[in-house]
Amino acid sequence: MKSFFFAWHRKWLLGAIVLSLLIWGYIYYLLQNTNCPAVFSGCDEYLYLLGAFTWGFFLKSVLVSTLLIFFFSPRAFVLWGCFALVAIPYFIWDITTTKFGSGFGLSFSPEDVSNFDGMIFLGISIFIAIVATVYDFVKKRKGDTKAK
């Protein structure tokens, strides 16, 4: 009999939670260091980018959705994993390539993009968890009624 806590998908999710916390801590540490890398034209651009990941909602939404999926079925984890495999690199690219003041007459900072991408990521993660749970529930109910 498998234990609730040590199911295979929960091990992966615990790893993702720890990795998210480590990345957030490292970025926070970099913000405390005022030395800017040479690839950035100025410190403001560097600090905006780090601030987008530290104070923005994206990394927090990855952490929250990982904690949320932790309590759902393996099916929810597999579906969410397929989504996260594509969405996380895309959203990171979206945040890092946003320049302050870019947009069609609109002024978006990397932190604004991080907040928007984080809300989208969390919303889709919740939707996936609900759909997988309802699917499992309906499948289980149909299996129970056929057995009688």
N, C-alpha and C. Protein backbone atom coordinates (compact mmCIF):
# COMPACT_ATOMS: atom_id res chain seq x y z
N MET A 1 0.85 -1.19 0.00
CA MET A 1 0.00 0.00 0.00
C MET A 1 0.89 1.25 0.00
N LYS A 2 0.64 2.11 -0.95
CA LYS A 2 1.44 3.32 -1.06
C LYS A 2 1.00 4.35 -0.03
N SER A 3 1.97 5.01 0.50
CA SER A 3 1.69 6.09 1.43
C SER A 3 1.25 7.32 0.67
N PHE A 4 0.37 8.12 1.28
CA PHE A 4 -0.13 9.35 0.65
C PHE A 4 1.00 10.31 0.33
N PHE A 5 1.92 10.45 1.26
CA PHE A 5 2.95 11.48 1.11
C PHE A 5 4.02 11.10 0.10
N PHE A 6 4.33 9.82 -0.04
CA PHE A 6 5.46 9.42 -0.86
C PHE A 6 5.06 8.89 -2.23
N ALA A 7 3.93 9.31 -2.76
CA ALA A 7 3.57 8.93 -4.12
C ALA A 7 4.56 9.58 -5.08
N TRP A 8 4.73 9.00 -6.24
CA TRP A 8 5.78 9.45 -7.17
C TRP A 8 5.61 10.90 -7.58
N HIS A 9 4.38 11.34 -7.82
CA HIS A 9 4.19 12.73 -8.27
C HIS A 9 4.45 13.72 -7.14
N ARG A 10 4.25 13.31 -5.93
CA ARG A 10 4.50 14.22 -4.81
C ARG A 10 6.00 14.44 -4.59
N LYS A 11 6.81 13.44 -4.92
CA LYS A 11 8.26 13.62 -4.84
C LYS A 11 8.72 14.68 -5.84
N TRP A 12 8.19 14.62 -7.04
CA TRP A 12 8.53 15.63 -8.05
C TRP A 12 8.07 17.01 -7.62
N LEU A 13 6.88 17.09 -7.06
CA LEU A 13 6.35 18.38 -6.63
C LEU A 13 7.15 18.96 -5.47
N LEU A 14 7.58 18.12 -4.55
CA LEU A 14 8.44 18.61 -3.47
C LEU A 14 9.75 19.17 -4.02
N GLY A 15 10.28 18.51 -5.03
CA GLY A 15 11.49 19.01 -5.68
C GLY A 15 11.25 20.35 -6.35
N ALA A 16 10.09 20.50 -6.99
CA ALA A 16 9.75 21.78 -7.64
C ALA A 16 9.56 22.89 -6.62
N ILE A 17 8.98 22.56 -5.48
CA ILE A 17 8.79 23.55 -4.43
C ILE A 17 10.14 24.03 -3.90
N VAL A 18 11.02 23.08 -3.62
CA VAL A 18 12.35 23.43 -3.11
C VAL A 18 13.12 24.23 -4.16
N LEU A 19 13.04 23.83 -5.42
CA LEU A 19 13.73 24.56 -6.49
C LEU A 19 13.19 25.98 -6.63
N SER A 20 11.88 26.16 -6.54
CA SER A 20 11.29 27.50 -6.62
C SER A 20 11.78 28.38 -5.48
N LEU A 21 11.82 27.83 -4.29
CA LEU A 21 12.30 28.60 -3.15
C LEU A 21 13.78 28.95 -3.27
N LEU A 22 14.58 28.02 -3.77
CA LEU A 22 16.00 28.29 -3.97
C LEU A 22 16.23 29.38 -5.02
N ILE A 23 15.49 29.32 -6.11
CA ILE A 23 15.62 30.33 -7.16
C ILE A 23 15.20 31.69 -6.63
N TRP A 24 14.10 31.74 -5.91
CA TRP A 24 13.64 33.02 -5.35
C TRP A 24 14.67 33.57 -4.36
N GLY A 25 15.22 32.70 -3.53
CA GLY A 25 16.24 33.14 -2.57
C GLY A 25 17.50 33.64 -3.26
N TYR A 26 17.92 32.98 -4.33
CA TYR A 26 19.11 33.40 -5.06
C TYR A 26 18.88 34.75 -5.74
N ILE A 27 17.72 34.94 -6.32
CA ILE A 27 17.42 36.23 -6.96
C ILE A 27 17.34 37.33 -5.91
N TYR A 28 16.76 37.01 -4.77
CA TYR A 28 16.72 38.00 -3.68
C TYR A 28 18.13 38.35 -3.22
N TYR A 29 19.00 37.36 -3.15
CA TYR A 29 20.39 37.62 -2.79
C TYR A 29 21.07 38.52 -3.83
N LEU A 30 20.80 38.26 -5.11
CA LEU A 30 21.39 39.09 -6.17
C LEU A 30 20.91 40.53 -6.07
N LEU A 31 19.68 40.72 -5.62
CA LEU A 31 19.17 42.09 -5.47
C LEU A 31 19.91 42.85 -4.38
N GLN A 32 20.39 42.14 -3.38
CA GLN A 32 21.12 42.79 -2.30
C GLN A 32 22.52 43.21 -2.75
N ASN A 33 23.03 42.54 -3.78
CA ASN A 33 24.34 42.85 -4.34
C ASN A 33 24.15 43.94 -5.40
N THR A 34 24.83 45.04 -5.29
CA THR A 34 24.61 46.16 -6.21
C THR A 34 25.52 46.13 -7.43
N ASN A 35 26.40 45.14 -7.56
CA ASN A 35 27.25 45.04 -8.74
C ASN A 35 26.42 44.56 -9.93
N CYS A 36 26.45 45.31 -11.01
CA CYS A 36 25.68 44.96 -12.19
C CYS A 36 26.57 44.23 -13.19
N PRO A 37 26.05 43.18 -13.84
CA PRO A 37 26.83 42.48 -14.85
C PRO A 37 27.09 43.39 -16.06
N ALA A 38 28.12 43.09 -16.81
CA ALA A 38 28.50 43.93 -17.95
C ALA A 38 27.52 43.83 -19.11
N VAL A 39 26.71 42.76 -19.17
CA VAL A 39 25.79 42.61 -20.31
C VAL A 39 24.64 43.60 -20.28
N PHE A 40 24.36 44.18 -19.14
CA PHE A 40 23.29 45.16 -19.03
C PHE A 40 23.85 46.56 -19.23
N SER A 41 23.07 47.39 -19.91
CA SER A 41 23.54 48.75 -20.20
C SER A 41 23.55 49.62 -18.95
N GLY A 42 22.74 49.29 -17.98
CA GLY A 42 22.71 50.05 -16.74
C GLY A 42 22.17 49.22 -15.60
N CYS A 43 22.40 49.69 -14.41
CA CYS A 43 21.92 48.96 -13.24
C CYS A 43 20.39 48.96 -13.14
N ASP A 44 19.76 50.00 -13.65
CA ASP A 44 18.29 50.06 -13.55
C ASP A 44 17.64 48.90 -14.27
N GLU A 45 18.12 48.59 -15.46
CA GLU A 45 17.56 47.48 -16.23
C GLU A 45 17.76 46.16 -15.49
N TYR A 46 18.92 45.97 -14.92
CA TYR A 46 19.24 44.76 -14.15
C TYR A 46 18.34 44.63 -12.93
N LEU A 47 18.18 45.72 -12.21
CA LEU A 47 17.35 45.69 -11.00
C LEU A 47 15.87 45.51 -11.32
N TYR A 48 15.40 46.11 -12.42
CA TYR A 48 14.02 45.89 -12.84
C TYR A 48 13.76 44.41 -13.14
N LEU A 49 14.72 43.79 -13.83
CA LEU A 49 14.56 42.39 -14.18
C LEU A 49 14.56 41.50 -12.94
N LEU A 50 15.48 41.72 -12.03
CA LEU A 50 15.51 40.93 -10.81
C LEU A 50 14.27 41.21 -9.95
N GLY A 51 13.85 42.46 -9.92
CA GLY A 51 12.65 42.81 -9.15
C GLY A 51 11.40 42.16 -9.70
N ALA A 52 11.37 41.96 -11.02
CA ALA A 52 10.21 41.30 -11.63
C ALA A 52 10.05 39.88 -11.10
N PHE A 53 11.16 39.20 -10.88
CA PHE A 53 11.08 37.83 -10.37
C PHE A 53 10.94 37.79 -8.85
N THR A 54 11.46 38.79 -8.16
CA THR A 54 11.38 38.78 -6.70
C THR A 54 10.05 39.30 -6.20
N TRP A 55 9.64 40.47 -6.66
CA TRP A 55 8.40 41.07 -6.18
C TRP A 55 7.22 40.80 -7.09
N GLY A 56 7.48 40.34 -8.29
CA GLY A 56 6.39 40.00 -9.20
C GLY A 56 5.67 38.74 -8.73
N PHE A 57 4.59 38.41 -9.40
CA PHE A 57 3.73 37.31 -8.97
C PHE A 57 4.09 35.99 -9.64
N PHE A 58 4.94 35.99 -10.66
CA PHE A 58 5.15 34.76 -11.43
C PHE A 58 5.75 33.63 -10.61
N LEU A 59 6.90 33.85 -9.97
CA LEU A 59 7.50 32.77 -9.18
C LEU A 59 6.61 32.35 -8.02
N LYS A 60 5.89 33.31 -7.47
CA LYS A 60 4.96 32.99 -6.38
C LYS A 60 3.81 32.12 -6.90
N SER A 61 3.35 32.40 -8.12
CA SER A 61 2.26 31.59 -8.67
C SER A 61 2.74 30.18 -9.00
N VAL A 62 3.99 30.03 -9.42
CA VAL A 62 4.54 28.69 -9.65
C VAL A 62 4.58 27.92 -8.33
N LEU A 63 5.01 28.58 -7.28
CA LEU A 63 5.07 27.94 -5.97
C LEU A 63 3.67 27.58 -5.45
N VAL A 64 2.74 28.50 -5.57
CA VAL A 64 1.36 28.25 -5.09
C VAL A 64 0.71 27.14 -5.90
N SER A 65 0.87 27.15 -7.23
CA SER A 65 0.25 26.11 -8.04
C SER A 65 0.89 24.75 -7.78
N THR A 66 2.17 24.72 -7.50
CA THR A 66 2.83 23.46 -7.16
C THR A 66 2.28 22.92 -5.84
N LEU A 67 2.12 23.81 -4.87
CA LEU A 67 1.52 23.39 -3.60
C LEU A 67 0.07 22.92 -3.79
N LEU A 68 -0.65 23.58 -4.68
CA LEU A 68 -2.04 23.20 -4.96
C LEU A 68 -2.12 21.82 -5.60
N ILE A 69 -1.31 21.59 -6.62
CA ILE A 69 -1.33 20.31 -7.32
C ILE A 69 -0.85 19.17 -6.42
N PHE A 70 -0.08 19.50 -5.41
CA PHE A 70 0.42 18.51 -4.46
C PHE A 70 -0.71 17.70 -3.83
N PHE A 71 -1.87 18.31 -3.65
CA PHE A 71 -2.98 17.65 -2.96
C PHE A 71 -4.00 17.02 -3.91
N PHE A 72 -3.70 17.02 -5.20
CA PHE A 72 -4.62 16.43 -6.16
C PHE A 72 -4.09 15.11 -6.67
N SER A 73 -4.83 14.50 -7.57
CA SER A 73 -4.50 13.16 -8.07
C SER A 73 -3.30 13.19 -9.01
N PRO A 74 -2.74 12.02 -9.26
CA PRO A 74 -1.64 11.96 -10.23
C PRO A 74 -2.03 12.45 -11.63
N ARG A 75 -3.29 12.28 -12.00
CA ARG A 75 -3.75 12.77 -13.30
C ARG A 75 -3.62 14.28 -13.38
N ALA A 76 -3.96 14.97 -12.32
CA ALA A 76 -3.83 16.43 -12.30
C ALA A 76 -2.36 16.82 -12.42
N PHE A 77 -1.47 16.05 -11.78
CA PHE A 77 -0.05 16.34 -11.87
C PHE A 77 0.47 16.16 -13.29
N VAL A 78 0.05 15.09 -13.96
CA VAL A 78 0.52 14.83 -15.33
C VAL A 78 0.03 15.93 -16.27
N LEU A 79 -1.25 16.28 -16.17
CA LEU A 79 -1.78 17.35 -17.03
C LEU A 79 -1.12 18.69 -16.73
N TRP A 80 -0.95 19.01 -15.45
CA TRP A 80 -0.31 20.26 -15.08
C TRP A 80 1.15 20.27 -15.50
N GLY A 81 1.81 19.12 -15.39
CA GLY A 81 3.21 19.02 -15.79
C GLY A 81 3.41 19.31 -17.27
N CYS A 82 2.49 18.80 -18.11
CA CYS A 82 2.56 19.10 -19.55
C CYS A 82 2.38 20.60 -19.79
N PHE A 83 1.46 21.21 -19.09
CA PHE A 83 1.25 22.65 -19.22
C PHE A 83 2.45 23.43 -18.71
N ALA A 84 2.95 23.06 -17.55
CA ALA A 84 4.07 23.79 -16.94
C ALA A 84 5.35 23.66 -17.75
N LEU A 85 5.54 22.53 -18.40
CA LEU A 85 6.73 22.31 -19.21
C LEU A 85 6.83 23.31 -20.36
N VAL A 86 5.69 23.72 -20.87
CA VAL A 86 5.66 24.71 -21.95
C VAL A 86 5.53 26.13 -21.40
N ALA A 87 4.69 26.31 -20.40
CA ALA A 87 4.34 27.65 -19.93
C ALA A 87 5.47 28.33 -19.16
N ILE A 88 6.17 27.61 -18.30
CA ILE A 88 7.20 28.25 -17.47
C ILE A 88 8.33 28.84 -18.32
N PRO A 89 8.90 28.09 -19.27
CA PRO A 89 9.94 28.72 -20.11
C PRO A 89 9.40 29.89 -20.93
N TYR A 90 8.16 29.77 -21.43
CA TYR A 90 7.60 30.87 -22.22
C TYR A 90 7.41 32.12 -21.35
N PHE A 91 6.87 31.96 -20.16
CA PHE A 91 6.65 33.12 -19.30
C PHE A 91 7.97 33.74 -18.84
N ILE A 92 8.97 32.91 -18.58
CA ILE A 92 10.29 33.46 -18.23
C ILE A 92 10.85 34.26 -19.39
N TRP A 93 10.72 33.74 -20.59
CA TRP A 93 11.16 34.47 -21.78
C TRP A 93 10.38 35.77 -21.92
N ASP A 94 9.08 35.71 -21.69
CA ASP A 94 8.23 36.90 -21.80
C ASP A 94 8.66 37.98 -20.81
N ILE A 95 8.97 37.58 -19.60
CA ILE A 95 9.37 38.55 -18.56
C ILE A 95 10.76 39.13 -18.87
N THR A 96 11.68 38.27 -19.27
CA THR A 96 13.05 38.74 -19.46
C THR A 96 13.23 39.57 -20.72
N THR A 97 12.38 39.40 -21.72
CA THR A 97 12.53 40.18 -22.95
C THR A 97 11.71 41.47 -22.93
N THR A 98 10.93 41.69 -21.91
CA THR A 98 10.16 42.92 -21.81
C THR A 98 11.07 44.05 -21.37
N LYS A 99 11.08 45.09 -22.16
CA LYS A 99 11.84 46.29 -21.81
C LYS A 99 10.87 47.29 -21.20
N PHE A 100 11.34 48.07 -20.27
CA PHE A 100 10.48 49.06 -19.62
C PHE A 100 9.98 50.05 -20.66
N GLY A 101 8.67 50.24 -20.68
CA GLY A 101 8.07 51.18 -21.62
C GLY A 101 7.74 50.57 -22.96
N SER A 102 7.87 49.25 -23.08
CA SER A 102 7.54 48.62 -24.35
C SER A 102 6.04 48.40 -24.45
N GLY A 103 5.57 48.17 -25.63
CA GLY A 103 4.15 47.95 -25.86
C GLY A 103 3.64 48.97 -26.85
N PHE A 104 2.45 48.77 -27.31
CA PHE A 104 1.84 49.64 -28.30
C PHE A 104 1.24 50.86 -27.62
N GLY A 105 2.08 51.79 -27.28
CA GLY A 105 1.63 53.00 -26.61
C GLY A 105 1.39 52.80 -25.12
N LEU A 106 1.59 51.59 -24.64
CA LEU A 106 1.40 51.28 -23.23
C LEU A 106 2.75 51.13 -22.57
N SER A 107 2.81 51.37 -21.30
CA SER A 107 4.07 51.27 -20.58
C SER A 107 4.01 50.10 -19.61
N PHE A 108 4.65 48.99 -20.00
CA PHE A 108 4.71 47.80 -19.15
C PHE A 108 6.11 47.62 -18.63
N SER A 109 6.22 47.39 -17.35
CA SER A 109 7.53 47.05 -16.78
C SER A 109 7.61 45.52 -16.69
N PRO A 110 8.81 44.98 -16.51
CA PRO A 110 8.92 43.53 -16.32
C PRO A 110 8.10 43.02 -15.12
N GLU A 111 7.97 43.84 -14.10
CA GLU A 111 7.16 43.43 -12.94
C GLU A 111 5.68 43.34 -13.29
N ASP A 112 5.19 44.26 -14.13
CA ASP A 112 3.80 44.18 -14.58
C ASP A 112 3.57 42.90 -15.38
N VAL A 113 4.51 42.58 -16.26
CA VAL A 113 4.40 41.36 -17.06
C VAL A 113 4.47 40.14 -16.16
N SER A 114 5.32 40.17 -15.14
CA SER A 114 5.41 39.07 -14.18
C SER A 114 4.10 38.87 -13.44
N ASN A 115 3.47 39.95 -13.03
CA ASN A 115 2.18 39.85 -12.35
C ASN A 115 1.12 39.27 -13.27
N PHE A 116 1.06 39.74 -14.50
CA PHE A 116 0.07 39.26 -15.47
C PHE A 116 0.30 37.79 -15.80
N ASP A 117 1.55 37.43 -16.10
CA ASP A 117 1.86 36.04 -16.41
C ASP A 117 1.60 35.12 -15.22
N GLY A 118 1.87 35.61 -14.02
CA GLY A 118 1.60 34.82 -12.82
C GLY A 118 0.12 34.54 -12.62
N MET A 119 -0.71 35.55 -12.89
CA MET A 119 -2.15 35.35 -12.77
C MET A 119 -2.65 34.35 -13.80
N ILE A 120 -2.15 34.45 -15.02
CA ILE A 120 -2.54 33.49 -16.06
C ILE A 120 -2.09 32.08 -15.67
N PHE A 121 -0.86 31.94 -15.22
CA PHE A 121 -0.33 30.63 -14.84
C PHE A 121 -1.14 30.01 -13.71
N LEU A 122 -1.42 30.79 -12.69
CA LEU A 122 -2.19 30.27 -11.56
C LEU A 122 -3.62 29.92 -11.96
N GLY A 123 -4.23 30.76 -12.77
CA GLY A 123 -5.60 30.49 -13.23
C GLY A 123 -5.70 29.21 -14.03
N ILE A 124 -4.76 29.02 -14.95
CA ILE A 124 -4.78 27.79 -15.76
C ILE A 124 -4.46 26.58 -14.89
N SER A 125 -3.58 26.72 -13.92
CA SER A 125 -3.26 25.61 -13.01
C SER A 125 -4.48 25.20 -12.20
N ILE A 126 -5.22 26.16 -11.69
CA ILE A 126 -6.44 25.85 -10.94
C ILE A 126 -7.47 25.18 -11.84
N PHE A 127 -7.60 25.68 -13.06
CA PHE A 127 -8.53 25.08 -14.03
C PHE A 127 -8.15 23.63 -14.31
N ILE A 128 -6.87 23.36 -14.52
CA ILE A 128 -6.42 21.99 -14.78
C ILE A 128 -6.71 21.09 -13.58
N ALA A 129 -6.47 21.58 -12.37
CA ALA A 129 -6.73 20.77 -11.17
C ALA A 129 -8.21 20.45 -11.04
N ILE A 130 -9.07 21.42 -11.32
CA ILE A 130 -10.52 21.20 -11.22
C ILE A 130 -10.99 20.21 -12.27
N VAL A 131 -10.54 20.40 -13.52
CA VAL A 131 -10.97 19.50 -14.60
C VAL A 131 -10.50 18.07 -14.34
N ALA A 132 -9.27 17.89 -13.90
CA ALA A 132 -8.76 16.54 -13.63
C ALA A 132 -9.51 15.89 -12.47
N THR A 133 -9.84 16.68 -11.46
CA THR A 133 -10.58 16.15 -10.31
C THR A 133 -12.00 15.74 -10.71
N VAL A 134 -12.66 16.58 -11.47
CA VAL A 134 -14.02 16.25 -11.94
C VAL A 134 -13.99 15.03 -12.83
N TYR A 135 -13.00 14.94 -13.72
CA TYR A 135 -12.88 13.78 -14.59
C TYR A 135 -12.68 12.50 -13.78
N ASP A 136 -11.80 12.54 -12.80
CA ASP A 136 -11.58 11.36 -11.95
C ASP A 136 -12.84 11.00 -11.16
N PHE A 137 -13.55 12.00 -10.68
CA PHE A 137 -14.77 11.75 -9.92
C PHE A 137 -15.84 11.10 -10.79
N VAL A 138 -16.02 11.64 -12.00
CA VAL A 138 -17.03 11.08 -12.91
C VAL A 138 -16.64 9.67 -13.34
N LYS A 139 -15.39 9.47 -13.63
CA LYS A 139 -14.92 8.14 -14.02
C LYS A 139 -15.12 7.14 -12.89
N LYS A 140 -14.86 7.56 -11.66
CA LYS A 140 -15.04 6.68 -10.51
C LYS A 140 -16.52 6.37 -10.29
N ARG A 141 -17.38 7.38 -10.44
CA ARG A 141 -18.82 7.17 -10.27
C ARG A 141 -19.38 6.22 -11.32
N LYS A 142 -18.94 6.38 -12.56
CA LYS A 142 -19.42 5.47 -13.62
C LYS A 142 -18.94 4.04 -13.37
N GLY A 143 -17.75 3.90 -12.86
CA GLY A 143 -17.23 2.57 -12.53
C GLY A 143 -17.98 1.93 -11.39
N ASP A 144 -18.42 2.74 -10.39
CA ASP A 144 -19.18 2.22 -9.26
C ASP A 144 -20.57 1.79 -9.66
N THR A 145 -21.22 2.53 -10.58
CA THR A 145 -22.58 2.18 -10.97
C THR A 145 -22.60 0.95 -11.85
N LYS A 146 -21.55 0.69 -12.63
CA LYS A 146 -21.51 -0.51 -13.47
C LYS A 146 -21.26 -1.76 -12.63
N ALA A 147 -20.61 -1.60 -11.52
CA ALA A 147 -20.30 -2.76 -10.69
C ALA A 147 -21.53 -3.30 -9.97
N LYS A 148 -22.56 -2.48 -9.76
CA LYS A 148 -23.73 -2.94 -9.01
C LYS A 148 -24.69 -3.71 -9.83
